[in-house]
Amino acid sequence: MELTIIFITICVITLIAIMWSQKKKGNYDERQEAIRNRGYKYGFFTITIVAVLMMYLEMFNIKFSSYLFSIIPLYCGCFVTSIYDVINQAYFRMKEKHMAGNGFLLIVCGLMEAYFCITSLNQDLTSIVTFGMLAVYLITMGIAVLYVNYRSKRDDA
């Protein structure tokens, strides 16, 4: 529990420092706005499809807690929206700095969540799924950000 509080405190302080250092707000072009809106649409459809699939699983006596029933579709929708936006270069502002640093920070946070998932294996399914899905999301987002950063630098050269 103490390790979780320390981890959350470090993440909050890091996020505040990152947000404080960024002076401009917004600065997205029309192409990015259109891509982001399409990503929101895909994320909403993903939430709907995953919720329907989970209802079908409950018909076959595979029971979920109400927490998991509500959080799994939201994680999946957020995952689809975020990855779609990152891969299509609409997640960050135009001429965003420190993309590689953000990618590495996401991977480090994802590895910490994976550690929490592994240490919670003897606990309930809710902790395992929560930590596991968050770890997969953060690590995948970090890899996607690093890939887009590499691709944009390669195209500029």
Foldseek 3Di string as FASTA:
>chain_A
DVVVVVLVVVVVVVVVVVVVPDDDPDQADPVLVVQLVVLLVQLVVQLVVVLVVVVVVVVVVPDDDPVCSPVVSNLSSVLSSLLSSLLVVNPDHPPDPPLLVQLVVLLVSLVVLVVQLVVCPVPDPVSNVVSNSSSVSSNVSSVSSVVSVVVVVVVVD
